[in-house]
Amino acid sequence: MRRIAYLISGFVALGLGLVGAVLPLLPTVPFLILAAFCFARSSPALERRLLDHPRIGPHIVIWREKGAISRRGKRAALLAFGFSIALGLLLVPLPWSLVPVAAAILGGSWIWTRPEA
């Protein structure tokens, strides 16, 4: 039963990660790291597919080994945060337009303090 729960959680995290590749405020890599974690406990073959993926795999491996984020990944995250802030300030009335600002400050400061790979 636990294996099935991890498998389902892995697919949900993978789906959210793929949606996050398109939506600016939804993160991609953390969901893919979570998917790899869940697949490691439910389906080693699916975990291996994620780790062997040429674009996704290296980020997961670096995170597992060093807790690190690449400089390129940090820049991409900050650009996404900036885009989300601009969108929020343009399209959403106050005080709700400040939510992306708060998320960017919290998330961005955490991301920027991680070691670089």
PDB file of N, CA and C in Angstrom:
ATOM      1  N   MET A   1       0.820  -1.204   0.000  1.00  0.00           N
ATOM      2  CA  MET A   1       0.000   0.000   0.000  1.00  0.00           C
ATOM      3  C   MET A   1       0.861   1.264   0.000  1.00  0.00           C
ATOM      4  N   ARG A   2       1.947   1.243   0.780  1.00  0.00           N
ATOM      5  CA  ARG A   2       2.837   2.392   0.858  1.00  0.00           C
ATOM      6  C   ARG A   2       3.518   2.633  -0.496  1.00  0.00           C
ATOM      7  N   ARG A   3       3.874   1.552  -1.165  1.00  0.00           N
ATOM      8  CA  ARG A   3       4.521   1.664  -2.475  1.00  0.00           C
ATOM      9  C   ARG A   3       3.593   2.347  -3.483  1.00  0.00           C
ATOM     10  N   ILE A   4       2.329   2.007  -3.446  1.00  0.00           N
ATOM     11  CA  ILE A   4       1.352   2.621  -4.353  1.00  0.00           C
ATOM     12  C   ILE A   4       1.199   4.109  -4.031  1.00  0.00           C
ATOM     13  N   ALA A   5       1.173   4.444  -2.751  1.00  0.00           N
ATOM     14  CA  ALA A   5       1.057   5.854  -2.354  1.00  0.00           C
ATOM     15  C   ALA A   5       2.263   6.656  -2.852  1.00  0.00           C
ATOM     16  N   TYR A   6       3.468   6.083  -2.732  1.00  0.00           N
ATOM     17  CA  TYR A   6       4.659   6.761  -3.241  1.00  0.00           C
ATOM     18  C   TYR A   6       4.608   6.893  -4.762  1.00  0.00           C
ATOM     19  N   LEU A   7       4.121   5.859  -5.443  1.00  0.00           N
ATOM     20  CA  LEU A   7       4.024   5.901  -6.896  1.00  0.00           C
ATOM     21  C   LEU A   7       3.059   6.995  -7.352  1.00  0.00           C
ATOM     22  N   ILE A   8       1.905   7.056  -6.725  1.00  0.00           N
ATOM     23  CA  ILE A   8       0.917   8.093  -7.054  1.00  0.00           C
ATOM     24  C   ILE A   8       1.484   9.472  -6.741  1.00  0.00           C
ATOM     25  N   SER A   9       2.122   9.608  -5.580  1.00  0.00           N
ATOM     26  CA  SER A   9       2.728  10.895  -5.207  1.00  0.00           C
ATOM     27  C   SER A   9       3.812  11.300  -6.202  1.00  0.00           C
ATOM     28  N   GLY A  10       4.571  10.332  -6.676  1.00  0.00           N
ATOM     29  CA  GLY A  10       5.610  10.611  -7.662  1.00  0.00           C
ATOM     30  C   GLY A  10       5.027  11.144  -8.960  1.00  0.00           C
ATOM     31  N   PHE A  11       3.932  10.538  -9.423  1.00  0.00           N
ATOM     32  CA  PHE A  11       3.304  11.011 -10.657  1.00  0.00           C
ATOM     33  C   PHE A  11       2.659  12.382 -10.473  1.00  0.00           C
ATOM     34  N   VAL A  12       2.077  12.626  -9.298  1.00  0.00           N
ATOM     35  CA  VAL A  12       1.497  13.953  -9.027  1.00  0.00           C
ATOM     36  C   VAL A  12       2.606  15.004  -9.017  1.00  0.00           C
ATOM     37  N   ALA A  13       3.712  14.715  -8.333  1.00  0.00           N
ATOM     38  CA  ALA A  13       4.835  15.658  -8.286  1.00  0.00           C
ATOM     39  C   ALA A  13       5.419  15.874  -9.681  1.00  0.00           C
ATOM     40  N   LEU A  14       5.519  14.814 -10.462  1.00  0.00           N
ATOM     41  CA  LEU A  14       6.024  14.942 -11.825  1.00  0.00           C
ATOM     42  C   LEU A  14       5.099  15.824 -12.658  1.00  0.00           C
ATOM     43  N   GLY A  15       3.796  15.617 -12.525  1.00  0.00           N
ATOM     44  CA  GLY A  15       2.833  16.451 -13.240  1.00  0.00           C
ATOM     45  C   GLY A  15       2.922  17.909 -12.836  1.00  0.00           C
ATOM     46  N   LEU A  16       3.028  18.168 -11.535  1.00  0.00           N
ATOM     47  CA  LEU A  16       3.165  19.553 -11.071  1.00  0.00           C
ATOM     48  C   LEU A  16       4.467  20.182 -11.565  1.00  0.00           C
ATOM     49  N   GLY A  17       5.526  19.380 -11.619  1.00  0.00           N
ATOM     50  CA  GLY A  17       6.785  19.885 -12.140  1.00  0.00           C
ATOM     51  C   GLY A  17       6.685  20.259 -13.608  1.00  0.00           C
ATOM     52  N   LEU A  18       5.978  19.454 -14.375  1.00  0.00           N
ATOM     53  CA  LEU A  18       5.810  19.758 -15.796  1.00  0.00           C
ATOM     54  C   LEU A  18       4.936  20.989 -15.997  1.00  0.00           C
ATOM     55  N   VAL A  19       3.901  21.137 -15.174  1.00  0.00           N
ATOM     56  CA  VAL A  19       3.072  22.347 -15.243  1.00  0.00           C
ATOM     57  C   VAL A  19       3.907  23.555 -14.822  1.00  0.00           C
ATOM     58  N   GLY A  20       4.771  23.368 -13.839  1.00  0.00           N
ATOM     59  CA  GLY A  20       5.627  24.448 -13.366  1.00  0.00           C
ATOM     60  C   GLY A  20       6.612  24.931 -14.410  1.00  0.00           C
ATOM     61  N   ALA A  21       6.905  24.089 -15.402  1.00  0.00           N
ATOM     62  CA  ALA A  21       7.792  24.518 -16.474  1.00  0.00           C
ATOM     63  C   ALA A  21       7.139  25.593 -17.330  1.00  0.00           C
ATOM     64  N   VAL A  22       5.811  25.683 -17.271  1.00  0.00           N
ATOM     65  CA  VAL A  22       5.073  26.645 -18.086  1.00  0.00           C
ATOM     66  C   VAL A  22       4.574  27.832 -17.262  1.00  0.00           C
ATOM     67  N   LEU A  23       4.116  27.576 -16.045  1.00  0.00           N
ATOM     68  CA  LEU A  23       3.584  28.638 -15.192  1.00  0.00           C
ATOM     69  C   LEU A  23       4.712  29.309 -14.410  1.00  0.00           C
ATOM     70  N   PRO A  24       4.704  30.627 -14.353  1.00  0.00           N
ATOM     71  CA  PRO A  24       5.842  31.327 -13.759  1.00  0.00           C
ATOM     72  C   PRO A  24       6.011  31.159 -12.247  1.00  0.00           C
ATOM     73  N   LEU A  25       4.949  31.052 -11.464  1.00  0.00           N
ATOM     74  CA  LEU A  25       5.112  31.025 -10.010  1.00  0.00           C
ATOM     75  C   LEU A  25       5.252  29.609  -9.455  1.00  0.00           C
ATOM     76  N   LEU A  26       4.903  28.606 -10.242  1.00  0.00           N
ATOM     77  CA  LEU A  26       4.983  27.220  -9.780  1.00  0.00           C
ATOM     78  C   LEU A  26       6.385  26.678 -10.068  1.00  0.00           C
ATOM     79  N   PRO A  27       7.104  26.215  -9.042  1.00  0.00           N
ATOM     80  CA  PRO A  27       8.471  25.751  -9.277  1.00  0.00           C
ATOM     81  C   PRO A  27       8.497  24.417 -10.013  1.00  0.00           C
ATOM     82  N   THR A  28       9.564  24.177 -10.740  1.00  0.00           N
ATOM     83  CA  THR A  28       9.694  22.939 -11.506  1.00  0.00           C
ATOM     84  C   THR A  28      10.604  21.941 -10.803  1.00  0.00           C
ATOM     85  N   VAL A  29      11.841  22.328 -10.575  1.00  0.00           N
ATOM     86  CA  VAL A  29      12.845  21.396 -10.066  1.00  0.00           C
ATOM     87  C   VAL A  29      12.483  20.814  -8.696  1.00  0.00           C
ATOM     88  N   PRO A  30      11.955  21.592  -7.741  1.00  0.00           N
ATOM     89  CA  PRO A  30      11.602  20.964  -6.460  1.00  0.00           C
ATOM     90  C   PRO A  30      10.572  19.839  -6.608  1.00  0.00           C
ATOM     91  N   PHE A  31       9.618  20.007  -7.521  1.00  0.00           N
ATOM     92  CA  PHE A  31       8.648  18.937  -7.738  1.00  0.00           C
ATOM     93  C   PHE A  31       9.298  17.730  -8.398  1.00  0.00           C
ATOM     94  N   LEU A  32      10.260  17.962  -9.272  1.00  0.00           N
ATOM     95  CA  LEU A  32      10.953  16.844  -9.910  1.00  0.00           C
ATOM     96  C   LEU A  32      11.855  16.118  -8.915  1.00  0.00           C
ATOM     97  N   ILE A  33      12.451  16.860  -7.990  1.00  0.00           N
ATOM     98  CA  ILE A  33      13.239  16.225  -6.925  1.00  0.00           C
ATOM     99  C   ILE A  33      12.322  15.383  -6.047  1.00  0.00           C
ATOM    100  N   LEU A  34      11.140  15.916  -5.733  1.00  0.00           N
ATOM    101  CA  LEU A  34      10.169  15.150  -4.953  1.00  0.00           C
ATOM    102  C   LEU A  34       9.720  13.908  -5.712  1.00  0.00           C
ATOM    103  N   ALA A  35       9.500  14.035  -7.015  1.00  0.00           N
ATOM    104  CA  ALA A  35       9.106  12.883  -7.827  1.00  0.00           C
ATOM    105  C   ALA A  35      10.188  11.806  -7.776  1.00  0.00           C
ATOM    106  N   ALA A  36      11.456  12.203  -7.895  1.00  0.00           N
ATOM    107  CA  ALA A  36      12.551  11.231  -7.829  1.00  0.00           C
ATOM    108  C   ALA A  36      12.591  10.548  -6.460  1.00  0.00           C
ATOM    109  N   PHE A  37      12.350  11.316  -5.403  1.00  0.00           N
ATOM    110  CA  PHE A  37      12.304  10.759  -4.047  1.00  0.00           C
ATOM    111  C   PHE A  37      11.205   9.695  -3.952  1.00  0.00           C
ATOM    112  N   CYS A  38      10.013  10.029  -4.452  1.00  0.00           N
ATOM    113  CA  CYS A  38       8.887   9.100  -4.386  1.00  0.00           C
ATOM    114  C   CYS A  38       9.121   7.870  -5.262  1.00  0.00           C
ATOM    115  N   PHE A  39       9.669   8.082  -6.459  1.00  0.00           N
ATOM    116  CA  PHE A  39       9.932   6.950  -7.348  1.00  0.00           C
ATOM    117  C   PHE A  39      11.025   6.043  -6.789  1.00  0.00           C
ATOM    118  N   ALA A  40      11.970   6.595  -6.037  1.00  0.00           N
ATOM    119  CA  ALA A  40      13.021   5.780  -5.423  1.00  0.00           C
ATOM    120  C   ALA A  40      12.422   4.775  -4.450  1.00  0.00           C
ATOM    121  N   ARG A  41      11.288   5.124  -3.867  1.00  0.00           N
ATOM    122  CA  ARG A  41      10.642   4.254  -2.898  1.00  0.00           C
ATOM    123  C   ARG A  41       9.529   3.395  -3.496  1.00  0.00           C
ATOM    124  N   SER A  42       9.231   3.617  -4.786  1.00  0.00           N
ATOM    125  CA  SER A  42       8.139   2.855  -5.385  1.00  0.00           C
ATOM    126  C   SER A  42       8.533   2.169  -6.686  1.00  0.00           C
ATOM    127  N   SER A  43       9.339   2.821  -7.498  1.00  0.00           N
ATOM    128  CA  SER A  43       9.704   2.273  -8.801  1.00  0.00           C
ATOM    129  C   SER A  43      11.113   2.732  -9.183  1.00  0.00           C
ATOM    130  N   PRO A  44      12.112   1.924  -8.871  1.00  0.00           N
ATOM    131  CA  PRO A  44      13.481   2.294  -9.230  1.00  0.00           C
ATOM    132  C   PRO A  44      13.661   2.558 -10.731  1.00  0.00           C
ATOM    133  N   ALA A  45      12.874   1.914 -11.561  1.00  0.00           N
ATOM    134  CA  ALA A  45      12.979   2.136 -13.008  1.00  0.00           C
ATOM    135  C   ALA A  45      12.557   3.563 -13.368  1.00  0.00           C
ATOM    136  N   LEU A  46      11.490   4.057 -12.745  1.00  0.00           N
ATOM    137  CA  LEU A  46      11.054   5.431 -13.003  1.00  0.00           C
ATOM    138  C   LEU A  46      12.057   6.435 -12.429  1.00  0.00           C
ATOM    139  N   GLU A  47      12.600   6.117 -11.261  1.00  0.00           N
ATOM    140  CA  GLU A  47      13.628   6.992 -10.693  1.00  0.00           C
ATOM    141  C   GLU A  47      14.821   7.068 -11.636  1.00  0.00           C
ATOM    142  N   ARG A  48      15.241   5.927 -12.160  1.00  0.00           N
ATOM    143  CA  ARG A  48      16.380   5.887 -13.071  1.00  0.00           C
ATOM    144  C   ARG A  48      16.101   6.702 -14.328  1.00  0.00           C
ATOM    145  N   ARG A  49      14.866   6.656 -14.832  1.00  0.00           N
ATOM    146  CA  ARG A  49      14.518   7.449 -16.027  1.00  0.00           C
ATOM    147  C   ARG A  49      14.663   8.943 -15.747  1.00  0.00           C
ATOM    148  N   LEU A  50      14.236   9.371 -14.554  1.00  0.00           N
ATOM    149  CA  LEU A  50      14.403  10.783 -14.191  1.00  0.00           C
ATOM    150  C   LEU A  50      15.887  11.151 -14.069  1.00  0.00           C
ATOM    151  N   LEU A  51      16.640  10.302 -13.394  1.00  0.00           N
ATOM    152  CA  LEU A  51      18.059  10.592 -13.180  1.00  0.00           C
ATOM    153  C   LEU A  51      18.850  10.553 -14.485  1.00  0.00           C
ATOM    154  N   ASP A  52      18.426   9.745 -15.440  1.00  0.00           N
ATOM    155  CA  ASP A  52      19.128   9.635 -16.715  1.00  0.00           C
ATOM    156  C   ASP A  52      18.683  10.685 -17.734  1.00  0.00           C
ATOM    157  N   HIS A  53      17.635  11.443 -17.410  1.00  0.00           N
ATOM    158  CA  HIS A  53      17.155  12.462 -18.344  1.00  0.00           C
ATOM    159  C   HIS A  53      18.240  13.527 -18.502  1.00  0.00           C
ATOM    160  N   PRO A  54      18.559  13.920 -19.751  1.00  0.00           N
ATOM    161  CA  PRO A  54      19.674  14.849 -19.950  1.00  0.00           C
ATOM    162  C   PRO A  54      19.463  16.250 -19.371  1.00  0.00           C
ATOM    163  N   ARG A  55      18.235  16.723 -19.271  1.00  0.00           N
ATOM    164  CA  ARG A  55      17.998  18.083 -18.754  1.00  0.00           C
ATOM    165  C   ARG A  55      17.616  18.084 -17.275  1.00  0.00           C
ATOM    166  N   ILE A  56      16.919  17.081 -16.826  1.00  0.00           N
ATOM    167  CA  ILE A  56      16.410  17.038 -15.451  1.00  0.00           C
ATOM    168  C   ILE A  56      17.382  16.337 -14.502  1.00  0.00           C
ATOM    169  N   GLY A  57      17.934  15.225 -14.960  1.00  0.00           N
ATOM    170  CA  GLY A  57      18.769  14.369 -14.119  1.00  0.00           C
ATOM    171  C   GLY A  57      19.906  15.062 -13.399  1.00  0.00           C
ATOM    172  N   PRO A  58      20.714  15.877 -14.104  1.00  0.00           N
ATOM    173  CA  PRO A  58      21.847  16.506 -13.407  1.00  0.00           C
ATOM    174  C   PRO A  58      21.427  17.391 -12.228  1.00  0.00           C
ATOM    175  N   HIS A  59      20.301  18.081 -12.343  1.00  0.00           N
ATOM    176  CA  HIS A  59      19.834  18.934 -11.245  1.00  0.00           C
ATOM    177  C   HIS A  59      19.465  18.099 -10.021  1.00  0.00           C
ATOM    178  N   ILE A  60      18.824  16.960 -10.257  1.00  0.00           N
ATOM    179  CA  ILE A  60      18.431  16.081  -9.148  1.00  0.00           C
ATOM    180  C   ILE A  60      19.667  15.490  -8.479  1.00  0.00           C
ATOM    181  N   VAL A  61      20.613  15.038  -9.281  1.00  0.00           N
ATOM    182  CA  VAL A  61      21.833  14.426  -8.733  1.00  0.00           C
ATOM    183  C   VAL A  61      22.625  15.446  -7.916  1.00  0.00           C
ATOM    184  N   ILE A  62      22.791  16.656  -8.445  1.00  0.00           N
ATOM    185  CA  ILE A  62      23.532  17.697  -7.717  1.00  0.00           C
ATOM    186  C   ILE A  62      22.839  18.038  -6.402  1.00  0.00           C
ATOM    187  N   TRP A  63      21.508  18.092  -6.428  1.00  0.00           N
ATOM    188  CA  TRP A  63      20.775  18.385  -5.195  1.00  0.00           C
ATOM    189  C   TRP A  63      20.976  17.273  -4.177  1.00  0.00           C
ATOM    190  N   ARG A  64      20.893  16.019  -4.631  1.00  0.00           N
ATOM    191  CA  ARG A  64      21.054  14.887  -3.713  1.00  0.00           C
ATOM    192  C   ARG A  64      22.457  14.839  -3.117  1.00  0.00           C
ATOM    193  N   GLU A  65      23.457  15.109  -3.937  1.00  0.00           N
ATOM    194  CA  GLU A  65      24.835  14.974  -3.471  1.00  0.00           C
ATOM    195  C   GLU A  65      25.307  16.151  -2.625  1.00  0.00           C
ATOM    196  N   LYS A  66      24.943  17.376  -3.029  1.00  0.00           N
ATOM    197  CA  LYS A  66      25.514  18.555  -2.386  1.00  0.00           C
ATOM    198  C   LYS A  66      24.484  19.538  -1.843  1.00  0.00           C
ATOM    199  N   GLY A  67      23.199  19.307  -2.110  1.00  0.00           N
ATOM    200  CA  GLY A  67      22.194  20.300  -1.732  1.00  0.00           C
ATOM    201  C   GLY A  67      22.385  21.594  -2.494  1.00  0.00           C
ATOM    202  N   ALA A  68      22.915  21.484  -3.714  1.00  0.00           N
ATOM    203  CA  ALA A  68      23.307  22.661  -4.477  1.00  0.00           C
ATOM    204  C   ALA A  68      22.358  22.930  -5.644  1.00  0.00           C
ATOM    205  N   ILE A  69      22.339  24.182  -6.064  1.00  0.00           N
ATOM    206  CA  ILE A  69      21.566  24.636  -7.213  1.00  0.00           C
ATOM    207  C   ILE A  69      22.545  25.345  -8.145  1.00  0.00           C
ATOM    208  N   SER A  70      22.443  25.077  -9.435  1.00  0.00           N
ATOM    209  CA  SER A  70      23.354  25.708 -10.383  1.00  0.00           C
ATOM    210  C   SER A  70      23.090  27.207 -10.464  1.00  0.00           C
ATOM    211  N   ARG A  71      24.115  27.951 -10.861  1.00  0.00           N
ATOM    212  CA  ARG A  71      23.950  29.399 -11.020  1.00  0.00           C
ATOM    213  C   ARG A  71      22.884  29.690 -12.071  1.00  0.00           C
ATOM    214  N   ARG A  72      22.872  28.900 -13.121  1.00  0.00           N
ATOM    215  CA  ARG A  72      21.851  29.067 -14.168  1.00  0.00           C
ATOM    216  C   ARG A  72      20.451  28.837 -13.591  1.00  0.00           C
ATOM    217  N   GLY A  73      20.305  27.834 -12.740  1.00  0.00           N
ATOM    218  CA  GLY A  73      19.021  27.574 -12.106  1.00  0.00           C
ATOM    219  C   GLY A  73      18.588  28.709 -11.194  1.00  0.00           C
ATOM    220  N   LYS A  74      19.553  29.274 -10.478  1.00  0.00           N
ATOM    221  CA  LYS A  74      19.250  30.411  -9.610  1.00  0.00           C
ATOM    222  C   LYS A  74      18.794  31.610 -10.426  1.00  0.00           C
ATOM    223  N   ARG A  75      19.484  31.861 -11.531  1.00  0.00           N
ATOM    224  CA  ARG A  75      19.081  32.980 -12.395  1.00  0.00           C
ATOM    225  C   ARG A  75      17.697  32.757 -12.978  1.00  0.00           C
ATOM    226  N   ALA A  76      17.430  31.528 -13.408  1.00  0.00           N
ATOM    227  CA  ALA A  76      16.108  31.224 -13.972  1.00  0.00           C
ATOM    228  C   ALA A  76      15.018  31.425 -12.928  1.00  0.00           C
ATOM    229  N   ALA A  77      15.283  31.005 -11.698  1.00  0.00           N
ATOM    230  CA  ALA A  77      14.297  31.181 -10.630  1.00  0.00           C
ATOM    231  C   ALA A  77      14.043  32.659 -10.365  1.00  0.00           C
ATOM    232  N   LEU A  78      15.107  33.444 -10.331  1.00  0.00           N
ATOM    233  CA  LEU A  78      14.940  34.871 -10.079  1.00  0.00           C
ATOM    234  C   LEU A  78      14.212  35.565 -11.232  1.00  0.00           C
ATOM    235  N   LEU A  79      14.471  35.148 -12.460  1.00  0.00           N
ATOM    236  CA  LEU A  79      13.727  35.694 -13.599  1.00  0.00           C
ATOM    237  C   LEU A  79      12.246  35.341 -13.511  1.00  0.00           C
ATOM    238  N   ALA A  80      11.963  34.091 -13.126  1.00  0.00           N
ATOM    239  CA  ALA A  80      10.568  33.673 -12.975  1.00  0.00           C
ATOM    240  C   ALA A  80       9.888  34.467 -11.856  1.00  0.00           C
ATOM    241  N   PHE A  81      10.607  34.684 -10.764  1.00  0.00           N
ATOM    242  CA  PHE A  81      10.040  35.493  -9.682  1.00  0.00           C
ATOM    243  C   PHE A  81       9.771  36.916 -10.163  1.00  0.00           C
ATOM    244  N   GLY A  82      10.711  37.485 -10.893  1.00  0.00           N
ATOM    245  CA  GLY A  82      10.517  38.838 -11.418  1.00  0.00           C
ATOM    246  C   GLY A  82       9.319  38.922 -12.347  1.00  0.00           C
ATOM    247  N   PHE A  83       9.167  37.933 -13.209  1.00  0.00           N
ATOM    248  CA  PHE A  83       8.020  37.885 -14.115  1.00  0.00           C
ATOM    249  C   PHE A  83       6.716  37.783 -13.328  1.00  0.00           C
ATOM    250  N   SER A  84       6.701  36.943 -12.295  1.00  0.00           N
ATOM    251  CA  SER A  84       5.501  36.782 -11.460  1.00  0.00           C
ATOM    252  C   SER A  84       5.151  38.077 -10.729  1.00  0.00           C
ATOM    253  N   ILE A  85       6.158  38.768 -10.238  1.00  0.00           N
ATOM    254  CA  ILE A  85       5.925  40.043  -9.552  1.00  0.00           C
ATOM    255  C   ILE A  85       5.320  41.045 -10.526  1.00  0.00           C
ATOM    256  N   ALA A  86       5.919  41.168 -11.708  1.00  0.00           N
ATOM    257  CA  ALA A  86       5.404  42.115 -12.699  1.00  0.00           C
ATOM    258  C   ALA A  86       3.976  41.783 -13.085  1.00  0.00           C
ATOM    259  N   LEU A  87       3.702  40.512 -13.313  1.00  0.00           N
ATOM    260  CA  LEU A  87       2.344  40.085 -13.671  1.00  0.00           C
ATOM    261  C   LEU A  87       1.362  40.402 -12.553  1.00  0.00           C
ATOM    262  N   GLY A  88       1.764  40.092 -11.318  1.00  0.00           N
ATOM    263  CA  GLY A  88       0.895  40.359 -10.178  1.00  0.00           C
ATOM    264  C   GLY A  88       0.604  41.841  -9.992  1.00  0.00           C
ATOM    265  N   LEU A  89       1.631  42.654 -10.115  1.00  0.00           N
ATOM    266  CA  LEU A  89       1.443  44.095  -9.929  1.00  0.00           C
ATOM    267  C   LEU A  89       0.594  44.704 -11.044  1.00  0.00           C
ATOM    268  N   LEU A  90       0.666  44.140 -12.233  1.00  0.00           N
ATOM    269  CA  LEU A  90      -0.108  44.670 -13.354  1.00  0.00           C
ATOM    270  C   LEU A  90      -1.558  44.181 -13.376  1.00  0.00           C
ATOM    271  N   LEU A  91      -1.779  42.946 -12.959  1.00  0.00           N
ATOM    272  CA  LEU A  91      -3.091  42.336 -13.176  1.00  0.00           C
ATOM    273  C   LEU A  91      -3.950  42.123 -11.933  1.00  0.00           C
ATOM    274  N   VAL A  92      -3.353  42.212 -10.762  1.00  0.00           N
ATOM    275  CA  VAL A  92      -4.077  41.869  -9.535  1.00  0.00           C
ATOM    276  C   VAL A  92      -4.152  43.103  -8.637  1.00  0.00           C
ATOM    277  N   PRO A  93      -5.326  43.375  -8.065  1.00  0.00           N
ATOM    278  CA  PRO A  93      -5.443  44.551  -7.193  1.00  0.00           C
ATOM    279  C   PRO A  93      -4.712  44.347  -5.857  1.00  0.00           C
ATOM    280  N   LEU A  94      -4.347  45.464  -5.246  1.00  0.00           N
ATOM    281  CA  LEU A  94      -3.750  45.428  -3.905  1.00  0.00           C
ATOM    282  C   LEU A  94      -4.786  44.900  -2.917  1.00  0.00           C
ATOM    283  N   PRO A  95      -4.453  44.219  -1.904  1.00  0.00           N
ATOM    284  CA  PRO A  95      -3.132  43.793  -1.445  1.00  0.00           C
ATOM    285  C   PRO A  95      -2.684  42.469  -2.058  1.00  0.00           C
ATOM    286  N   TRP A  96      -3.542  41.836  -2.876  1.00  0.00           N
ATOM    287  CA  TRP A  96      -3.214  40.519  -3.429  1.00  0.00           C
ATOM    288  C   TRP A  96      -2.025  40.550  -4.375  1.00  0.00           C
ATOM    289  N   SER A  97      -1.764  41.685  -4.970  1.00  0.00           N
ATOM    290  CA  SER A  97      -0.623  41.770  -5.879  1.00  0.00           C
ATOM    291  C   SER A  97       0.712  41.684  -5.139  1.00  0.00           C
ATOM    292  N   LEU A  98       0.670  41.803  -3.817  1.00  0.00           N
ATOM    293  CA  LEU A  98       1.897  41.695  -3.027  1.00  0.00           C
ATOM    294  C   LEU A  98       2.262  40.252  -2.688  1.00  0.00           C
ATOM    295  N   VAL A  99       1.354  39.313  -2.948  1.00  0.00           N
ATOM    296  CA  VAL A  99       1.633  37.897  -2.667  1.00  0.00           C
ATOM    297  C   VAL A  99       2.836  37.409  -3.472  1.00  0.00           C
ATOM    298  N   PRO A 100       2.907  37.681  -4.802  1.00  0.00           N
ATOM    299  CA  PRO A 100       4.116  37.259  -5.521  1.00  0.00           C
ATOM    300  C   PRO A 100       5.386  37.936  -5.016  1.00  0.00           C
ATOM    301  N   VAL A 101       5.275  39.139  -4.526  1.00  0.00           N
ATOM    302  CA  VAL A 101       6.446  39.832  -3.968  1.00  0.00           C
ATOM    303  C   VAL A 101       6.935  39.084  -2.726  1.00  0.00           C
ATOM    304  N   ALA A 102       6.011  38.726  -1.854  1.00  0.00           N
ATOM    305  CA  ALA A 102       6.384  37.997  -0.641  1.00  0.00           C
ATOM    306  C   ALA A 102       6.973  36.628  -0.989  1.00  0.00           C
ATOM    307  N   ALA A 103       6.347  35.935  -1.941  1.00  0.00           N
ATOM    308  CA  ALA A 103       6.865  34.623  -2.355  1.00  0.00           C
ATOM    309  C   ALA A 103       8.264  34.760  -2.944  1.00  0.00           C
ATOM    310  N   ALA A 104       8.484  35.804  -3.725  1.00  0.00           N
ATOM    311  CA  ALA A 104       9.800  36.015  -4.333  1.00  0.00           C
ATOM    312  C   ALA A 104      10.853  36.322  -3.279  1.00  0.00           C
ATOM    313  N   ILE A 105      10.493  37.109  -2.303  1.00  0.00           N
ATOM    314  CA  ILE A 105      11.455  37.441  -1.239  1.00  0.00           C
ATOM    315  C   ILE A 105      11.813  36.193  -0.440  1.00  0.00           C
ATOM    316  N   LEU A 106      10.802  35.437  -0.040  1.00  0.00           N
ATOM    317  CA  LEU A 106      11.061  34.226   0.745  1.00  0.00           C
ATOM    318  C   LEU A 106      11.774  33.158  -0.081  1.00  0.00           C
ATOM    319  N   GLY A 107      11.184  32.812  -1.213  1.00  0.00           N
ATOM    320  CA  GLY A 107      11.765  31.760  -2.047  1.00  0.00           C
ATOM    321  C   GLY A 107      13.101  32.154  -2.636  1.00  0.00           C
ATOM    322  N   GLY A 108      13.197  33.375  -3.120  1.00  0.00           N
ATOM    323  CA  GLY A 108      14.439  33.829  -3.735  1.00  0.00           C
ATOM    324  C   GLY A 108      15.592  33.889  -2.758  1.00  0.00           C
ATOM    325  N   SER A 109      15.325  34.342  -1.551  1.00  0.00           N
ATOM    326  CA  SER A 109      16.411  34.400  -0.565  1.00  0.00           C
ATOM    327  C   SER A 109      16.866  33.000  -0.178  1.00  0.00           C
ATOM    328  N   TRP A 110      15.940  32.052  -0.086  1.00  0.00           N
ATOM    329  CA  TRP A 110      16.328  30.674   0.233  1.00  0.00           C
ATOM    330  C   TRP A 110      17.137  30.083  -0.920  1.00  0.00           C
ATOM    331  N   ILE A 111      16.670  30.275  -2.149  1.00  0.00           N
ATOM    332  CA  ILE A 111      17.366  29.734  -3.318  1.00  0.00           C
ATOM    333  C   ILE A 111      18.775  30.310  -3.418  1.00  0.00           C
ATOM    334  N   TRP A 112      18.895  31.625  -3.229  1.00  0.00           N
ATOM    335  CA  TRP A 112      20.196  32.274  -3.410  1.00  0.00           C
ATOM    336  C   TRP A 112      21.201  31.868  -2.337  1.00  0.00           C
ATOM    337  N   THR A 113      20.734  31.395  -1.180  1.00  0.00           N
ATOM    338  CA  THR A 113      21.662  30.987  -0.119  1.00  0.00           C
ATOM    339  C   THR A 113      22.104  29.518  -0.244  1.00  0.00           C
ATOM    340  N   ARG A 114      21.546  28.762  -1.185  1.00  0.00           N
ATOM    341  CA  ARG A 114      21.984  27.377  -1.387  1.00  0.00           C
ATOM    342  C   ARG A 114      23.351  27.376  -2.063  1.00  0.00           C
ATOM    343  N   PRO A 115      24.139  26.362  -1.810  1.00  0.00           N
ATOM    344  CA  PRO A 115      25.447  26.275  -2.481  1.00  0.00           C
ATOM    345  C   PRO A 115      25.270  26.167  -3.994  1.00  0.00           C
ATOM    346  N   GLU A 116      26.292  26.602  -4.721  1.00  0.00           N
ATOM    347  CA  GLU A 116      26.246  26.512  -6.188  1.00  0.00           C
ATOM    348  C   GLU A 116      26.979  25.284  -6.673  1.00  0.00           C
ATOM    349  N   ALA A 117      26.430  24.714  -7.719  1.00  0.00           N
ATOM    350  CA  ALA A 117      27.056  23.508  -8.293  1.00  0.00           C
ATOM    351  C   ALA A 117      27.953  23.894  -9.435  1.00  0.00           C
TER     352      ALA A 117
END
